[in-house]
Protein backbone atom coordinates (compact mmCIF):
# COMPACT_ATOMS: atom_id res chain seq x y z
CA UNK A 1 0.86 41.00 14.38
CA UNK A 2 3.47 38.27 14.25
CA UNK A 3 7.07 38.72 13.32
CA UNK A 4 10.24 36.73 12.82
CA UNK A 5 13.57 38.46 12.98
CA UNK A 6 16.84 39.15 14.72
CA UNK A 7 17.95 41.77 17.23
CA UNK A 8 21.47 43.16 17.34
CA UNK A 9 22.63 44.78 20.57
CA UNK A 10 26.16 45.82 21.43
CA UNK A 11 28.10 48.00 23.83
CA UNK A 12 30.12 50.82 22.28
CA UNK A 13 32.87 52.68 24.12
CA UNK A 14 33.52 56.19 22.74
CA UNK A 15 36.85 57.71 23.77
CA UNK A 16 37.31 61.45 23.26
CA UNK A 17 40.39 63.42 22.33
CA UNK A 18 41.07 66.34 24.73
CA UNK A 19 40.46 68.95 22.01
CA UNK A 20 36.95 67.56 21.41
CA UNK A 21 35.97 68.09 25.04
CA UNK A 22 37.63 71.51 25.11
CA UNK A 23 35.47 72.70 22.17
CA UNK A 24 38.20 75.02 20.92
CA UNK A 25 36.62 78.02 19.15
CA UNK A 26 33.17 76.38 18.97
CA UNK A 27 30.12 76.29 21.23
CA UNK A 28 29.07 72.73 20.37
CA UNK A 29 30.22 69.85 18.26
CA UNK A 30 28.28 66.82 17.02
CA UNK A 31 29.86 63.72 15.50
CA UNK A 32 27.83 61.07 13.66
CA UNK A 33 29.30 57.57 13.49
CA UNK A 34 28.19 54.77 11.21
CA UNK A 35 28.48 51.12 12.20
CA UNK A 36 28.43 48.84 9.14
CA UNK A 37 27.62 45.31 10.31
CA UNK A 38 28.31 42.33 8.07
CA UNK A 39 29.21 38.65 8.32
CA UNK A 40 31.15 36.23 6.18
CA UNK A 41 27.83 35.76 4.33
CA UNK A 42 27.41 39.44 3.39
CA UNK A 43 26.08 42.81 4.64
CA UNK A 44 23.52 42.83 7.47
CA UNK A 45 22.70 46.43 8.39
CA UNK A 46 24.05 49.93 8.99
CA UNK A 47 23.51 51.86 12.21
CA UNK A 48 24.19 55.54 12.93
CA UNK A 49 24.83 57.04 16.37
CA UNK A 50 25.67 60.61 17.39
CA UNK A 51 27.80 62.05 20.17
CA UNK A 52 27.46 65.77 20.92
CA UNK A 53 29.52 67.95 23.26
CA UNK A 54 28.03 71.28 24.32
CA UNK A 55 29.28 74.30 26.25
CA UNK A 56 27.36 74.80 29.46
CA UNK A 57 27.79 78.58 29.59
CA UNK A 58 26.70 79.90 26.23
CA UNK A 59 25.75 83.57 25.96
CA UNK A 60 22.59 83.75 23.83
CA UNK A 61 22.85 86.60 21.29
CA UNK A 62 20.31 89.33 22.02
CA UNK A 63 19.66 88.21 25.61
CA UNK A 64 21.92 90.15 28.00
CA UNK A 65 23.27 87.90 30.73
CA UNK A 66 21.48 84.85 29.35
CA UNK A 67 23.77 81.88 29.97
CA UNK A 68 22.53 78.53 28.69
CA UNK A 69 23.80 75.25 27.34
CA UNK A 70 24.56 75.67 23.63
CA UNK A 71 22.50 72.56 22.81
CA UNK A 72 19.07 72.80 24.44
CA UNK A 73 17.43 69.69 22.99
CA UNK A 74 17.85 66.79 20.60
CA UNK A 75 15.91 63.95 19.05
CA UNK A 76 15.40 62.16 15.74
CA UNK A 77 18.70 63.49 14.31
CA UNK A 78 17.60 67.06 15.11
CA UNK A 79 19.44 69.40 17.48
CA UNK A 80 18.07 72.61 19.01
CA UNK A 81 20.51 75.37 19.92
CA UNK A 82 20.06 78.13 22.50
CA UNK A 83 19.91 80.89 19.88
CA UNK A 84 16.95 79.23 18.13
CA UNK A 85 18.92 77.46 15.42
CA UNK A 86 17.56 74.01 14.54
CA UNK A 87 19.84 71.53 12.76
CA UNK A 88 18.55 68.38 11.03
CA UNK A 89 21.35 65.96 10.20
CA UNK A 90 21.34 64.23 6.77
CA UNK A 91 22.27 60.79 8.09
CA UNK A 92 21.91 57.48 6.26
CA UNK A 93 21.12 54.07 7.72
CA UNK A 94 19.03 53.35 10.79
CA UNK A 95 19.68 55.96 13.48
CA UNK A 96 20.03 54.46 16.93
CA UNK A 97 19.91 57.81 18.70
CA UNK A 98 22.68 59.66 20.42
CA UNK A 99 23.76 61.50 23.52
CA UNK A 100 24.65 65.04 24.51
CA UNK A 101 27.57 65.60 26.88
CA UNK A 102 28.48 68.88 28.54
CA UNK A 103 32.06 70.08 28.83
CA UNK A 104 32.09 70.39 32.59
CA UNK A 105 35.15 69.46 34.68
CA UNK A 106 33.40 66.24 35.75
CA UNK A 107 33.12 64.76 32.26
CA UNK A 108 35.33 61.73 31.66
CA UNK A 109 37.29 61.08 28.49
CA UNK A 110 35.04 58.20 27.46
CA UNK A 111 31.43 57.06 27.62
CA UNK A 112 29.69 53.72 27.08
CA UNK A 113 26.36 53.24 25.35
CA UNK A 114 24.24 50.43 23.93
CA UNK A 115 23.60 50.27 20.19
CA UNK A 116 20.71 48.15 18.98
CA UNK A 117 18.75 47.50 15.82
CA UNK A 118 16.60 44.74 14.41
CA UNK A 119 15.61 43.23 11.11
CA UNK A 120 12.30 41.38 10.75
CA UNK A 121 9.47 40.14 8.57
CA UNK A 122 5.88 40.64 9.72
CA UNK A 123 2.66 38.56 9.51
CA UNK A 124 4.26 35.65 7.70
CA UNK A 125 6.12 37.78 5.15
CA UNK A 126 9.75 36.83 4.79
CA UNK A 127 12.21 39.33 6.18
CA UNK A 128 15.41 40.56 4.58
CA UNK A 129 17.88 37.90 3.49
CA UNK A 130 20.27 39.32 6.10
CA UNK A 131 18.23 37.53 8.80
CA UNK A 132 19.18 34.08 7.50
CA UNK A 133 22.74 35.23 6.89
CA UNK A 134 23.07 36.47 10.45
CA UNK A 135 21.63 33.28 11.93
CA UNK A 136 24.13 31.12 10.06
CA UNK A 137 27.09 33.47 10.58
CA UNK A 138 30.16 32.39 12.52
CA UNK A 139 31.80 35.82 12.55
CA UNK A 140 30.56 39.40 12.52
CA UNK A 141 32.51 42.36 11.18
CA UNK A 142 31.84 45.95 12.21
CA UNK A 143 33.40 48.86 10.36
CA UNK A 144 33.16 52.19 12.18
CA UNK A 145 33.38 55.43 10.23
CA UNK A 146 32.71 59.07 11.10
CA UNK A 147 30.07 60.13 8.61
CA UNK A 148 29.32 63.75 9.59
CA UNK A 149 30.97 66.34 11.81
CA UNK A 150 28.95 69.42 12.84
CA UNK A 151 30.35 72.44 14.62
CA UNK A 152 28.11 75.18 16.03
CA UNK A 153 29.39 78.70 16.53
CA UNK A 154 26.94 81.08 18.21
CA UNK A 155 28.46 84.20 16.67
CA UNK A 156 27.43 82.98 13.24
CA UNK A 157 24.07 81.66 14.56
CA UNK A 158 24.37 78.72 12.17
CA UNK A 159 25.54 75.14 12.33
CA UNK A 160 28.39 74.37 9.94
CA UNK A 161 28.51 70.84 8.57
CA UNK A 162 31.57 69.03 7.30
CA UNK A 163 31.03 65.63 5.69
CA UNK A 164 33.87 63.24 6.38
CA UNK A 165 35.18 60.67 3.94
CA UNK A 166 33.07 57.52 4.16
CA UNK A 167 36.15 55.44 3.32
CA UNK A 168 38.01 56.52 6.48
CA UNK A 169 37.65 53.49 8.75
CA UNK A 170 38.19 54.42 12.39
CA UNK A 171 37.78 50.92 13.78
CA UNK A 172 37.47 47.41 12.35
CA UNK A 173 36.02 44.93 14.83
CA UNK A 174 35.72 41.16 14.38
CA UNK A 175 33.40 39.19 16.64
CA UNK A 176 33.33 35.39 17.01
CA UNK A 177 30.19 33.35 17.62
CA UNK A 178 29.64 31.73 21.02
CA UNK A 179 26.54 29.95 22.34
CA UNK A 180 24.84 33.17 23.51
CA UNK A 181 25.86 35.59 20.76
CA UNK A 182 29.05 37.11 19.37
CA UNK A 183 32.02 38.42 21.34
CA UNK A 184 35.06 40.56 20.73
CA UNK A 185 38.14 39.04 22.36
CA UNK A 186 37.52 37.13 25.57
CA UNK A 187 34.21 37.74 27.31
CA UNK A 188 33.85 37.28 31.06
CA UNK A 189 30.29 37.16 32.40
CA UNK A 190 29.54 40.37 34.29
CA UNK A 191 32.37 42.46 32.78
CA UNK A 192 29.98 44.88 31.03
CA UNK A 193 29.41 47.96 33.24
CA UNK A 194 25.60 47.59 33.21
CA UNK A 195 23.13 44.65 33.04
CA UNK A 196 22.86 42.82 29.72
CA UNK A 197 20.34 40.21 28.63
CA UNK A 198 21.69 36.79 27.78
CA UNK A 199 21.57 35.19 25.34
């Protein structure tokens, strides 16, 4: 198989409000964020990423003395809870995964992660027009919105979903083209807290 395409990778820094980490009146909370990437030439792609915070001492209903993490597993937009509840999130756009954090005293108020996605054409077929638009772009724009908020309460043994307004923009980021990619602000080689490929 041959392919021609583009890869988008970026570092995202999620900062948490104290009440999110405290999990007031809930056993776990999951937030889904959408990253809408475009250029001056038009839309390129949408990416979704989830951040979950889970209690580490959750009393499983029906199991005396059973203390577990509220979230016991995750993958492919699906979360498993200690009481047997399984939640499948109705996300849109390419999902780039997520992470589960536990509300222990050692958790910081932020976390960094790498988001990545690609667009390509295979075996000589032309790829999406966004490939050419990205290659000729001089600026990238990223609009960050919270698409879904999920709270899990063990007493109800269900996950409750609240869909947020898609028009509520949490962050608008503009990146400028340099020889090895696109940067936000001033980039100093080696300032990212883990190794990155260049270009």
